Amino acid sequence: MQKEYMEILERLLDQLTLSAILELLERICHKKAENLRTHWQDETSAKLWDKAARQIEQINVDV
């Protein structure tokens, strides 16, 4: 199964840039945080997803 996921990610990298994929991951993390706050009232987990989004945002890629 892991190999299958790696192949999917590789195809995405072939179609997009690494920078674009990181931006998408950042947005997804923020959306997960928002969902946890809105629907589950789970501020602790939401903060972790927001932290992950901020860390991804700080990654500078020149590929």
Protein backbone atom coordinates (compact mmCIF):
# COMPACT_ATOMS: atom_id res chain seq x y z
CA MET A 1 0.00 0.00 0.00
CA GLN A 2 2.79 2.45 0.84
CA LYS A 3 4.32 1.97 -2.62
CA GLU A 4 0.95 2.79 -4.17
CA TYR A 5 0.77 6.07 -2.24
CA MET A 6 4.31 6.95 -3.24
CA GLU A 7 3.42 6.42 -6.89
CA ILE A 8 0.36 8.67 -6.52
CA LEU A 9 2.48 11.40 -4.94
CA GLU A 10 5.11 11.04 -7.65
CA ARG A 11 2.47 11.48 -10.36
CA LEU A 12 1.25 14.62 -8.58
CA LEU A 13 4.80 15.93 -8.46
CA ASP A 14 5.11 15.28 -12.18
CA GLN A 15 1.96 17.33 -12.84
CA LEU A 16 2.52 20.12 -10.30
CA THR A 17 5.51 21.67 -8.60
CA LEU A 18 6.70 20.73 -5.14
CA SER A 19 5.90 24.26 -4.08
CA ALA A 20 2.29 23.88 -5.29
CA ILE A 21 1.89 20.60 -3.44
CA LEU A 22 3.21 22.15 -0.23
CA GLU A 23 0.77 25.03 -0.64
CA LEU A 24 -2.09 22.55 -1.05
CA LEU A 25 -0.97 20.69 2.06
CA GLU A 26 -0.89 23.95 3.99
CA ARG A 27 -4.44 24.77 2.94
CA ILE A 28 -5.65 21.28 3.82
CA CYS A 29 -4.11 21.57 7.30
CA HIS A 30 -5.90 24.89 7.87
CA LYS A 31 -9.19 23.37 6.68
CA LYS A 32 -8.76 20.41 9.02
CA ALA A 33 -8.16 22.82 11.89
CA GLU A 34 -11.26 24.80 10.99
CA ASN A 35 -13.34 21.63 10.76
CA LEU A 36 -12.14 20.44 14.17
CA ARG A 37 -13.06 23.78 15.73
CA THR A 38 -16.43 24.07 14.02
CA HIS A 39 -17.76 20.55 14.17
CA TRP A 40 -15.89 18.88 17.02
CA GLN A 41 -14.99 21.78 19.34
CA ASP A 42 -11.51 20.27 19.51
CA GLU A 43 -9.26 23.29 19.93
CA THR A 44 -6.24 21.20 20.98
CA SER A 45 -6.15 19.19 17.74
CA ALA A 46 -7.03 22.28 15.71
CA LYS A 47 -3.99 24.08 17.08
CA LEU A 48 -1.78 21.17 16.05
CA TRP A 49 -3.12 21.30 12.48
CA ASP A 50 -2.61 25.08 12.38
CA LYS A 51 0.94 24.58 13.64
CA ALA A 52 1.58 22.03 10.88
CA ALA A 53 0.23 24.50 8.31
CA ARG A 54 2.56 27.23 9.58
CA GLN A 55 5.54 24.88 9.47
CA ILE A 56 4.75 23.87 5.90
CA GLU A 57 4.40 27.54 4.99
CA GLN A 58 7.96 28.17 6.19
CA ILE A 59 9.47 25.59 3.82
CA ASN A 60 11.29 27.26 0.94
CA VAL A 61 11.63 25.08 -2.16
CA ASP A 62 13.67 25.87 -5.25
CA VAL A 63 12.83 22.73 -7.24
